[in-house]
């Protein structure tokens, strides 16, 4: 019985991992594009800085009390969202830049 449970648990975990998607958000001209995205729980979002000379970050103030590190042109930041909810974010150095992730 223990063995059967372990096999079923492993299969469920592998299926969930296989179904998880990666969604990309570009940062260009001081905007997140797209600004709002809808994903499923377990998906990962990757933000790519497409600027020529400008640094940015992705700060989820409701989740992280400290501002995250900045990243430069050509670099990326990624985050996986295990739980449902709406998660708003902004660029710490450029607070007019805003976006949101809706996790279903």
PDB file of N, CA and C in Angstrom:
ATOM      1  N   UNK A   1       0.828  -1.190   0.000  1.00  0.00           N
ATOM      2  CA  UNK A   1       0.000   0.000   0.000  1.00  0.00           C
ATOM      3  C   UNK A   1       0.875   1.257   0.000  1.00  0.00           C
ATOM      4  N   UNK A   2       1.934   1.245   0.807  1.00  0.00           N
ATOM      5  CA  UNK A   2       2.842   2.383   0.845  1.00  0.00           C
ATOM      6  C   UNK A   2       3.468   2.622  -0.529  1.00  0.00           C
ATOM      7  N   UNK A   3       3.835   1.546  -1.159  1.00  0.00           N
ATOM      8  CA  UNK A   3       4.484   1.633  -2.467  1.00  0.00           C
ATOM      9  C   UNK A   3       3.511   2.223  -3.498  1.00  0.00           C
ATOM     10  N   UNK A   4       2.261   1.798  -3.463  1.00  0.00           N
ATOM     11  CA  UNK A   4       1.254   2.308  -4.387  1.00  0.00           C
ATOM     12  C   UNK A   4       1.052   3.817  -4.176  1.00  0.00           C
ATOM     13  N   UNK A   5       0.967   4.224  -2.929  1.00  0.00           N
ATOM     14  CA  UNK A   5       0.823   5.646  -2.612  1.00  0.00           C
ATOM     15  C   UNK A   5       2.006   6.439  -3.142  1.00  0.00           C
ATOM     16  N   UNK A   6       3.197   5.938  -2.948  1.00  0.00           N
ATOM     17  CA  UNK A   6       4.406   6.614  -3.413  1.00  0.00           C
ATOM     18  C   UNK A   6       4.401   6.742  -4.935  1.00  0.00           C
ATOM     19  N   UNK A   7       4.004   5.692  -5.631  1.00  0.00           N
ATOM     20  CA  UNK A   7       3.949   5.717  -7.092  1.00  0.00           C
ATOM     21  C   UNK A   7       2.916   6.744  -7.559  1.00  0.00           C
ATOM     22  N   UNK A   8       1.731   6.746  -6.944  1.00  0.00           N
ATOM     23  CA  UNK A   8       0.689   7.702  -7.320  1.00  0.00           C
ATOM     24  C   UNK A   8       1.115   9.142  -7.044  1.00  0.00           C
ATOM     25  N   UNK A   9       1.727   9.362  -5.907  1.00  0.00           N
ATOM     26  CA  UNK A   9       2.205  10.700  -5.562  1.00  0.00           C
ATOM     27  C   UNK A   9       3.257  11.167  -6.569  1.00  0.00           C
ATOM     28  N   UNK A  10       4.174  10.306  -6.925  1.00  0.00           N
ATOM     29  CA  UNK A  10       5.214  10.650  -7.891  1.00  0.00           C
ATOM     30  C   UNK A  10       4.616  10.968  -9.254  1.00  0.00           C
ATOM     31  N   UNK A  11       3.641  10.186  -9.682  1.00  0.00           N
ATOM     32  CA  UNK A  11       2.981  10.443 -10.959  1.00  0.00           C
ATOM     33  C   UNK A  11       2.250  11.784 -10.951  1.00  0.00           C
ATOM     34  N   UNK A  12       1.542  12.069  -9.878  1.00  0.00           N
ATOM     35  CA  UNK A  12       0.819  13.331  -9.788  1.00  0.00           C
ATOM     36  C   UNK A  12       1.779  14.513  -9.818  1.00  0.00           C
ATOM     37  N   UNK A  13       2.884  14.425  -9.116  1.00  0.00           N
ATOM     38  CA  UNK A  13       3.869  15.497  -9.093  1.00  0.00           C
ATOM     39  C   UNK A  13       4.466  15.705 -10.477  1.00  0.00           C
ATOM     40  N   UNK A  14       4.799  14.617 -11.159  1.00  0.00           N
ATOM     41  CA  UNK A  14       5.398  14.720 -12.487  1.00  0.00           C
ATOM     42  C   UNK A  14       4.407  15.273 -13.506  1.00  0.00           C
ATOM     43  N   UNK A  15       3.138  14.893 -13.409  1.00  0.00           N
ATOM     44  CA  UNK A  15       2.127  15.418 -14.324  1.00  0.00           C
ATOM     45  C   UNK A  15       1.951  16.910 -14.098  1.00  0.00           C
ATOM     46  N   UNK A  16       1.882  17.340 -12.846  1.00  0.00           N
ATOM     47  CA  UNK A  16       1.721  18.759 -12.542  1.00  0.00           C
ATOM     48  C   UNK A  16       2.924  19.545 -13.056  1.00  0.00           C
ATOM     49  N   UNK A  17       4.123  19.019 -12.880  1.00  0.00           N
ATOM     50  CA  UNK A  17       5.322  19.700 -13.366  1.00  0.00           C
ATOM     51  C   UNK A  17       5.325  19.778 -14.885  1.00  0.00           C
ATOM     52  N   UNK A  18       4.872  18.730 -15.537  1.00  0.00           N
ATOM     53  CA  UNK A  18       4.851  18.704 -16.999  1.00  0.00           C
ATOM     54  C   UNK A  18       3.824  19.683 -17.555  1.00  0.00           C
ATOM     55  N   UNK A  19       2.752  19.943 -16.813  1.00  0.00           N
ATOM     56  CA  UNK A  19       1.715  20.848 -17.279  1.00  0.00           C
ATOM     57  C   UNK A  19       2.032  22.310 -16.996  1.00  0.00           C
ATOM     58  N   UNK A  20       2.990  22.576 -16.130  1.00  0.00           N
ATOM     59  CA  UNK A  20       3.349  23.953 -15.805  1.00  0.00           C
ATOM     60  C   UNK A  20       3.920  24.645 -17.034  1.00  0.00           C
ATOM     61  N   UNK A  21       3.540  25.899 -17.207  1.00  0.00           N
ATOM     62  CA  UNK A  21       3.975  26.666 -18.370  1.00  0.00           C
ATOM     63  C   UNK A  21       4.957  27.752 -17.951  1.00  0.00           C
ATOM     64  N   UNK A  22       5.654  28.265 -18.937  1.00  0.00           N
ATOM     65  CA  UNK A  22       6.519  29.418 -18.754  1.00  0.00           C
ATOM     66  C   UNK A  22       5.950  30.553 -19.593  1.00  0.00           C
ATOM     67  N   UNK A  23       5.718  31.693 -18.960  1.00  0.00           N
ATOM     68  CA  UNK A  23       5.159  32.858 -19.631  1.00  0.00           C
ATOM     69  C   UNK A  23       6.213  33.950 -19.593  1.00  0.00           C
ATOM     70  N   UNK A  24       6.348  34.666 -20.695  1.00  0.00           N
ATOM     71  CA  UNK A  24       7.378  35.698 -20.798  1.00  0.00           C
ATOM     72  C   UNK A  24       6.766  37.093 -20.814  1.00  0.00           C
ATOM     73  N   UNK A  25       7.438  38.004 -20.119  1.00  0.00           N
ATOM     74  CA  UNK A  25       7.077  39.418 -20.102  1.00  0.00           C
ATOM     75  C   UNK A  25       8.330  40.191 -20.494  1.00  0.00           C
ATOM     76  N   UNK A  26       8.193  41.070 -21.474  1.00  0.00           N
ATOM     77  CA  UNK A  26       9.309  41.912 -21.893  1.00  0.00           C
ATOM     78  C   UNK A  26       9.264  43.242 -21.166  1.00  0.00           C
ATOM     79  N   UNK A  27      10.427  43.822 -20.963  1.00  0.00           N
ATOM     80  CA  UNK A  27      10.539  45.161 -20.403  1.00  0.00           C
ATOM     81  C   UNK A  27      11.217  46.010 -21.472  1.00  0.00           C
ATOM     82  N   UNK A  28      10.485  47.012 -21.964  1.00  0.00           N
ATOM     83  CA  UNK A  28      10.996  47.864 -23.029  1.00  0.00           C
ATOM     84  C   UNK A  28      10.305  49.219 -22.965  1.00  0.00           C
ATOM     85  N   UNK A  29      11.074  50.280 -23.142  1.00  0.00           N
ATOM     86  CA  UNK A  29      10.545  51.652 -23.111  1.00  0.00           C
ATOM     87  C   UNK A  29       9.812  51.934 -21.803  1.00  0.00           C
ATOM     88  N   UNK A  30      10.395  51.457 -20.711  1.00  0.00           N
ATOM     89  CA  UNK A  30       9.866  51.680 -19.366  1.00  0.00           C
ATOM     90  C   UNK A  30       8.455  51.135 -19.196  1.00  0.00           C
ATOM     91  N   UNK A  31       8.191  49.970 -19.819  1.00  0.00           N
ATOM     92  CA  UNK A  31       6.900  49.293 -19.668  1.00  0.00           C
ATOM     93  C   UNK A  31       7.110  47.791 -19.587  1.00  0.00           C
ATOM     94  N   UNK A  32       6.237  47.139 -18.825  1.00  0.00           N
ATOM     95  CA  UNK A  32       6.135  45.680 -18.855  1.00  0.00           C
ATOM     96  C   UNK A  32       5.155  45.330 -19.967  1.00  0.00           C
ATOM     97  N   UNK A  33       5.523  44.384 -20.795  1.00  0.00           N
ATOM     98  CA  UNK A  33       4.647  44.017 -21.913  1.00  0.00           C
ATOM     99  C   UNK A  33       4.524  42.505 -22.018  1.00  0.00           C
ATOM    100  N   UNK A  34       3.315  41.988 -21.755  1.00  0.00           N
ATOM    101  CA  UNK A  34       2.084  42.679 -21.380  1.00  0.00           C
ATOM    102  C   UNK A  34       2.109  43.099 -19.908  1.00  0.00           C
ATOM    103  N   UNK A  35       1.287  44.096 -19.594  1.00  0.00           N
ATOM    104  CA  UNK A  35       1.238  44.599 -18.217  1.00  0.00           C
ATOM    105  C   UNK A  35       0.454  43.662 -17.297  1.00  0.00           C
ATOM    106  N   UNK A  36      -0.577  43.022 -17.812  1.00  0.00           N
ATOM    107  CA  UNK A  36      -1.354  42.064 -17.028  1.00  0.00           C
ATOM    108  C   UNK A  36      -1.306  40.718 -17.739  1.00  0.00           C
ATOM    109  N   UNK A  37      -1.068  39.683 -16.947  1.00  0.00           N
ATOM    110  CA  UNK A  37      -1.083  38.331 -17.496  1.00  0.00           C
ATOM    111  C   UNK A  37      -1.917  37.437 -16.589  1.00  0.00           C
ATOM    112  N   UNK A  38      -2.462  36.397 -17.178  1.00  0.00           N
ATOM    113  CA  UNK A  38      -3.206  35.385 -16.430  1.00  0.00           C
ATOM    114  C   UNK A  38      -2.515  34.058 -16.664  1.00  0.00           C
ATOM    115  N   UNK A  39      -2.193  33.384 -15.565  1.00  0.00           N
ATOM    116  CA  UNK A  39      -1.497  32.101 -15.635  1.00  0.00           C
ATOM    117  C   UNK A  39      -2.192  31.109 -14.719  1.00  0.00           C
ATOM    118  N   UNK A  40      -1.732  29.878 -14.757  1.00  0.00           N
ATOM    119  CA  UNK A  40      -2.232  28.844 -13.851  1.00  0.00           C
ATOM    120  C   UNK A  40      -1.257  28.665 -12.697  1.00  0.00           C
ATOM    121  N   UNK A  41      -1.782  28.218 -11.563  1.00  0.00           N
ATOM    122  CA  UNK A  41      -0.923  27.927 -10.426  1.00  0.00           C
ATOM    123  C   UNK A  41       0.155  26.942 -10.853  1.00  0.00           C
ATOM    124  N   UNK A  42       1.376  27.204 -10.457  1.00  0.00           N
ATOM    125  CA  UNK A  42       2.508  26.361 -10.818  1.00  0.00           C
ATOM    126  C   UNK A  42       3.300  26.873 -12.001  1.00  0.00           C
ATOM    127  N   UNK A  43       2.742  27.852 -12.726  1.00  0.00           N
ATOM    128  CA  UNK A  43       3.446  28.422 -13.876  1.00  0.00           C
ATOM    129  C   UNK A  43       4.559  29.359 -13.411  1.00  0.00           C
ATOM    130  N   UNK A  44       5.504  29.583 -14.311  1.00  0.00           N
ATOM    131  CA  UNK A  44       6.630  30.474 -14.061  1.00  0.00           C
ATOM    132  C   UNK A  44       6.566  31.637 -15.035  1.00  0.00           C
ATOM    133  N   UNK A  45       6.843  32.827 -14.528  1.00  0.00           N
ATOM    134  CA  UNK A  45       6.922  34.018 -15.374  1.00  0.00           C
ATOM    135  C   UNK A  45       8.380  34.438 -15.442  1.00  0.00           C
ATOM    136  N   UNK A  46       8.832  34.746 -16.654  1.00  0.00           N
ATOM    137  CA  UNK A  46      10.198  35.234 -16.864  1.00  0.00           C
ATOM    138  C   UNK A  46      10.109  36.632 -17.466  1.00  0.00           C
ATOM    139  N   UNK A  47      10.677  37.604 -16.773  1.00  0.00           N
ATOM    140  CA  UNK A  47      10.761  38.967 -17.262  1.00  0.00           C
ATOM    141  C   UNK A  47      12.133  39.153 -17.898  1.00  0.00           C
ATOM    142  N   UNK A  48      12.161  39.718 -19.113  1.00  0.00           N
ATOM    143  CA  UNK A  48      13.414  39.962 -19.820  1.00  0.00           C
ATOM    144  C   UNK A  48      13.574  41.457 -20.053  1.00  0.00           C
ATOM    145  N   UNK A  49      14.710  41.990 -19.644  1.00  0.00           N
ATOM    146  CA  UNK A  49      15.006  43.402 -19.844  1.00  0.00           C
ATOM    147  C   UNK A  49      15.486  43.596 -21.283  1.00  0.00           C
ATOM    148  N   UNK A  50      14.661  44.220 -22.110  1.00  0.00           N
ATOM    149  CA  UNK A  50      14.964  44.453 -23.536  1.00  0.00           C
ATOM    150  C   UNK A  50      15.456  45.883 -23.800  1.00  0.00           C
ATOM    151  N   UNK A  51      15.671  46.638 -22.733  1.00  0.00           N
ATOM    152  CA  UNK A  51      16.172  48.001 -22.910  1.00  0.00           C
ATOM    153  C   UNK A  51      17.595  47.969 -23.471  1.00  0.00           C
ATOM    154  N   UNK A  52      18.045  49.116 -23.973  1.00  0.00           N
ATOM    155  CA  UNK A  52      19.420  49.194 -24.478  1.00  0.00           C
ATOM    156  C   UNK A  52      20.412  49.528 -23.373  1.00  0.00           C
ATOM    157  N   UNK A  53      20.002  50.402 -22.432  1.00  0.00           N
ATOM    158  CA  UNK A  53      20.946  50.824 -21.404  1.00  0.00           C
ATOM    159  C   UNK A  53      20.337  50.947 -20.013  1.00  0.00           C
ATOM    160  N   UNK A  54      19.108  50.566 -19.814  1.00  0.00           N
ATOM    161  CA  UNK A  54      18.421  50.852 -18.560  1.00  0.00           C
ATOM    162  C   UNK A  54      18.232  49.605 -17.698  1.00  0.00           C
ATOM    163  N   UNK A  55      18.443  49.749 -16.408  1.00  0.00           N
ATOM    164  CA  UNK A  55      18.210  48.655 -15.460  1.00  0.00           C
ATOM    165  C   UNK A  55      16.793  48.745 -14.902  1.00  0.00           C
ATOM    166  N   UNK A  56      16.269  47.594 -14.446  1.00  0.00           N
ATOM    167  CA  UNK A  56      14.940  47.511 -13.851  1.00  0.00           C
ATOM    168  C   UNK A  56      14.936  46.403 -12.801  1.00  0.00           C
ATOM    169  N   UNK A  57      13.794  46.255 -12.121  1.00  0.00           N
ATOM    170  CA  UNK A  57      13.546  45.084 -11.292  1.00  0.00           C
ATOM    171  C   UNK A  57      12.056  44.789 -11.300  1.00  0.00           C
ATOM    172  N   UNK A  58      11.675  43.727 -10.627  1.00  0.00           N
ATOM    173  CA  UNK A  58      10.277  43.310 -10.523  1.00  0.00           C
ATOM    174  C   UNK A  58      10.018  43.121  -9.028  1.00  0.00           C
ATOM    175  N   UNK A  59       9.256  44.039  -8.450  1.00  0.00           N
ATOM    176  CA  UNK A  59       9.078  44.056  -6.994  1.00  0.00           C
ATOM    177  C   UNK A  59       7.619  43.808  -6.651  1.00  0.00           C
ATOM    178  N   UNK A  60       7.372  42.682  -6.000  1.00  0.00           N
ATOM    179  CA  UNK A  60       6.055  42.338  -5.468  1.00  0.00           C
ATOM    180  C   UNK A  60       6.031  42.825  -4.012  1.00  0.00           C
ATOM    181  N   UNK A  61       5.637  44.073  -3.821  1.00  0.00           N
ATOM    182  CA  UNK A  61       5.707  44.685  -2.490  1.00  0.00           C
ATOM    183  C   UNK A  61       4.879  43.938  -1.454  1.00  0.00           C
ATOM    184  N   UNK A  62       3.755  43.344  -1.862  1.00  0.00           N
ATOM    185  CA  UNK A  62       2.906  42.614  -0.912  1.00  0.00           C
ATOM    186  C   UNK A  62       3.541  41.289  -0.481  1.00  0.00           C
ATOM    187  N   UNK A  63       4.466  40.791  -1.281  1.00  0.00           N
ATOM    188  CA  UNK A  63       5.098  39.505  -0.978  1.00  0.00           C
ATOM    189  C   UNK A  63       6.509  39.661  -0.414  1.00  0.00           C
ATOM    190  N   UNK A  64       7.208  40.707  -0.851  1.00  0.00           N
ATOM    191  CA  UNK A  64       8.615  40.887  -0.489  1.00  0.00           C
ATOM    192  C   UNK A  64       8.813  42.259   0.146  1.00  0.00           C
ATOM    193  N   UNK A  65       9.239  42.285   1.403  1.00  0.00           N
ATOM    194  CA  UNK A  65       9.428  43.569   2.071  1.00  0.00           C
ATOM    195  C   UNK A  65      10.657  44.302   1.548  1.00  0.00           C
ATOM    196  N   UNK A  66      11.652  43.562   1.101  1.00  0.00           N
ATOM    197  CA  UNK A  66      12.859  44.188   0.576  1.00  0.00           C
ATOM    198  C   UNK A  66      12.814  44.244  -0.945  1.00  0.00           C
ATOM    199  N   UNK A  67      13.282  45.353  -1.465  1.00  0.00           N
ATOM    200  CA  UNK A  67      13.328  45.513  -2.919  1.00  0.00           C
ATOM    201  C   UNK A  67      14.352  44.543  -3.508  1.00  0.00           C
ATOM    202  N   UNK A  68      13.984  43.834  -4.586  1.00  0.00           N
ATOM    203  CA  UNK A  68      14.920  42.869  -5.178  1.00  0.00           C
ATOM    204  C   UNK A  68      16.030  43.568  -5.960  1.00  0.00           C
ATOM    205  N   UNK A  69      17.034  42.797  -6.314  1.00  0.00           N
ATOM    206  CA  UNK A  69      18.143  43.312  -7.106  1.00  0.00           C
ATOM    207  C   UNK A  69      17.654  43.771  -8.470  1.00  0.00           C
ATOM    208  N   UNK A  70      18.368  44.729  -9.021  1.00  0.00           N
ATOM    209  CA  UNK A  70      18.068  45.185 -10.375  1.00  0.00           C
ATOM    210  C   UNK A  70      18.697  44.219 -11.372  1.00  0.00           C
ATOM    211  N   UNK A  71      18.193  44.252 -12.606  1.00  0.00           N
ATOM    212  CA  UNK A  71      18.830  43.479 -13.662  1.00  0.00           C
ATOM    213  C   UNK A  71      18.946  44.351 -14.907  1.00  0.00           C
ATOM    214  N   UNK A  72      19.980  44.084 -15.666  1.00  0.00           N
ATOM    215  CA  UNK A  72      20.407  44.942 -16.758  1.00  0.00           C
ATOM    216  C   UNK A  72      19.934  44.405 -18.113  1.00  0.00           C
ATOM    217  N   UNK A  73      20.095  45.199 -19.179  1.00  0.00           N
ATOM    218  CA  UNK A  73      19.674  44.755 -20.510  1.00  0.00           C
ATOM    219  C   UNK A  73      20.201  43.358 -20.847  1.00  0.00           C
ATOM    220  N   UNK A  74      19.288  42.535 -21.365  1.00  0.00           N
ATOM    221  CA  UNK A  74      19.630  41.161 -21.725  1.00  0.00           C
ATOM    222  C   UNK A  74      19.487  40.177 -20.585  1.00  0.00           C
ATOM    223  N   UNK A  75      19.348  40.657 -19.363  1.00  0.00           N
ATOM    224  CA  UNK A  75      19.206  39.769 -18.210  1.00  0.00           C
ATOM    225  C   UNK A  75      17.734  39.500 -17.928  1.00  0.00           C
ATOM    226  N   UNK A  76      17.482  38.464 -17.116  1.00  0.00           N
ATOM    227  CA  UNK A  76      16.118  38.065 -16.803  1.00  0.00           C
ATOM    228  C   UNK A  76      15.921  37.916 -15.297  1.00  0.00           C
ATOM    229  N   UNK A  77      14.660  37.914 -14.921  1.00  0.00           N
ATOM    230  CA  UNK A  77      14.221  37.610 -13.565  1.00  0.00           C
ATOM    231  C   UNK A  77      13.051  36.654 -13.718  1.00  0.00           C
ATOM    232  N   UNK A  78      12.974  35.643 -12.857  1.00  0.00           N
ATOM    233  CA  UNK A  78      11.849  34.723 -12.953  1.00  0.00           C
ATOM    234  C   UNK A  78      11.275  34.409 -11.590  1.00  0.00           C
ATOM    235  N   UNK A  79       9.979  34.057 -11.613  1.00  0.00           N
ATOM    236  CA  UNK A  79       9.278  33.701 -10.375  1.00  0.00           C
ATOM    237  C   UNK A  79       8.196  32.686 -10.713  1.00  0.00           C
ATOM    238  N   UNK A  80       8.085  31.663  -9.871  1.00  0.00           N
ATOM    239  CA  UNK A  80       7.041  30.648 -10.003  1.00  0.00           C
ATOM    240  C   UNK A  80       5.926  30.982  -9.015  1.00  0.00           C
ATOM    241  N   UNK A  81       4.689  30.800  -9.458  1.00  0.00           N
ATOM    242  CA  UNK A  81       3.516  31.158  -8.659  1.00  0.00           C
ATOM    243  C   UNK A  81       2.751  29.891  -8.294  1.00  0.00           C
ATOM    244  N   UNK A  82       2.953  29.354  -7.087  1.00  0.00           N
ATOM    245  CA  UNK A  82       2.296  28.107  -6.701  1.00  0.00           C
ATOM    246  C   UNK A  82       0.834  28.279  -6.277  1.00  0.00           C
ATOM    247  N   UNK A  83       0.444  29.498  -5.891  1.00  0.00           N
ATOM    248  CA  UNK A  83      -0.890  29.705  -5.335  1.00  0.00           C
ATOM    249  C   UNK A  83      -1.707  30.681  -6.174  1.00  0.00           C
ATOM    250  N   UNK A  84      -3.029  30.508  -6.140  1.00  0.00           N
ATOM    251  CA  UNK A  84      -3.941  31.403  -6.851  1.00  0.00           C
ATOM    252  C   UNK A  84      -3.982  32.766  -6.168  1.00  0.00           C
ATOM    253  N   UNK A  85      -4.286  33.783  -6.955  1.00  0.00           N
ATOM    254  CA  UNK A  85      -4.409  35.130  -6.423  1.00  0.00           C
ATOM    255  C   UNK A  85      -4.019  36.158  -7.460  1.00  0.00           C
ATOM    256  N   UNK A  86      -4.124  37.423  -7.074  1.00  0.00           N
ATOM    257  CA  UNK A  86      -3.674  38.520  -7.919  1.00  0.00           C
ATOM    258  C   UNK A  86      -2.444  39.125  -7.272  1.00  0.00           C
ATOM    259  N   UNK A  87      -1.380  39.222  -8.049  1.00  0.00           N
ATOM    260  CA  UNK A  87      -0.098  39.676  -7.528  1.00  0.00           C
ATOM    261  C   UNK A  87       0.353  40.895  -8.345  1.00  0.00           C
ATOM    262  N   UNK A  88       0.304  42.054  -7.694  1.00  0.00           N
ATOM    263  CA  UNK A  88       0.713  43.302  -8.335  1.00  0.00           C
ATOM    264  C   UNK A  88       2.201  43.533  -8.105  1.00  0.00           C
ATOM    265  N   UNK A  89       2.842  44.140  -9.091  1.00  0.00           N
ATOM    266  CA  UNK A  89       4.266  44.424  -8.969  1.00  0.00           C
ATOM    267  C   UNK A  89       4.589  45.748  -9.631  1.00  0.00           C
ATOM    268  N   UNK A  90       5.772  46.246  -9.333  1.00  0.00           N
ATOM    269  CA  UNK A  90       6.263  47.469  -9.951  1.00  0.00           C
ATOM    270  C   UNK A  90       7.780  47.405 -10.032  1.00  0.00           C
ATOM    271  N   UNK A  91       8.335  48.357 -10.740  1.00  0.00           N
ATOM    272  CA  UNK A  91       9.784  48.491 -10.823  1.00  0.00           C
ATOM    273  C   UNK A  91      10.207  49.433  -9.700  1.00  0.00           C
ATOM    274  N   UNK A  92      11.040  48.976  -8.804  1.00  0.00           N
ATOM    275  CA  UNK A  92      11.482  49.805  -7.680  1.00  0.00           C
ATOM    276  C   UNK A  92      12.118  51.118  -8.116  1.00  0.00           C
ATOM    277  N   UNK A  93      13.090  51.087  -9.044  1.00  0.00           N
ATOM    278  CA  UNK A  93      13.704  52.339  -9.482  1.00  0.00           C
ATOM    279  C   UNK A  93      12.764  53.226 -10.306  1.00  0.00           C
ATOM    280  N   UNK A  94      11.720  52.638 -10.890  1.00  0.00           N
ATOM    281  CA  UNK A  94      10.789  53.378 -11.749  1.00  0.00           C
ATOM    282  C   UNK A  94       9.349  53.021 -11.348  1.00  0.00           C
ATOM    283  N   UNK A  95       8.865  53.553 -10.230  1.00  0.00           N
ATOM    284  CA  UNK A  95       7.586  53.106  -9.662  1.00  0.00           C
ATOM    285  C   UNK A  95       6.353  53.353 -10.530  1.00  0.00           C
ATOM    286  N   UNK A  96       6.482  54.117 -11.601  1.00  0.00           N
ATOM    287  CA  UNK A  96       5.341  54.276 -12.512  1.00  0.00           C
ATOM    288  C   UNK A  96       5.164  53.051 -13.392  1.00  0.00           C
ATOM    289  N   UNK A  97       6.166  52.210 -13.451  1.00  0.00           N
ATOM    290  CA  UNK A  97       6.065  50.952 -14.189  1.00  0.00           C
ATOM    291  C   UNK A  97       5.345  49.944 -13.303  1.00  0.00           C
ATOM    292  N   UNK A  98       4.183  49.477 -13.745  1.00  0.00           N
ATOM    293  CA  UNK A  98       3.390  48.559 -12.936  1.00  0.00           C
ATOM    294  C   UNK A  98       2.871  47.409 -13.786  1.00  0.00           C
ATOM    295  N   UNK A  99       2.624  46.277 -13.130  1.00  0.00           N
ATOM    296  CA  UNK A  99       2.047  45.131 -13.792  1.00  0.00           C
ATOM    297  C   UNK A  99       1.354  44.239 -12.779  1.00  0.00           C
ATOM    298  N   UNK A 100       0.683  43.212 -13.279  1.00  0.00           N
ATOM    299  CA  UNK A 100       0.031  42.277 -12.370  1.00  0.00           C
ATOM    300  C   UNK A 100      -0.018  40.878 -12.991  1.00  0.00           C
ATOM    301  N   UNK A 101       0.009  39.904 -12.096  1.00  0.00           N
ATOM    302  CA  UNK A 101      -0.092  38.501 -12.473  1.00  0.00           C
ATOM    303  C   UNK A 101      -1.334  37.951 -11.792  1.00  0.00           C
ATOM    304  N   UNK A 102      -2.285  37.455 -12.581  1.00  0.00           N
ATOM    305  CA  UNK A 102      -3.475  36.805 -12.051  1.00  0.00           C
ATOM    306  C   UNK A 102      -3.239  35.301 -12.174  1.00  0.00           C
ATOM    307  N   UNK A 103      -3.215  34.632 -11.023  1.00  0.00           N
ATOM    308  CA  UNK A 103      -2.967  33.186 -10.992  1.00  0.00           C
ATOM    309  C   UNK A 103      -4.284  32.487 -10.678  1.00  0.00           C
ATOM    310  N   UNK A 104      -4.710  31.612 -11.596  1.00  0.00           N
ATOM    311  CA  UNK A 104      -5.969  30.884 -11.417  1.00  0.00           C
ATOM    312  C   UNK A 104      -5.712  29.506 -10.856  1.00  0.00           C
TER     313      UNK A 104
END
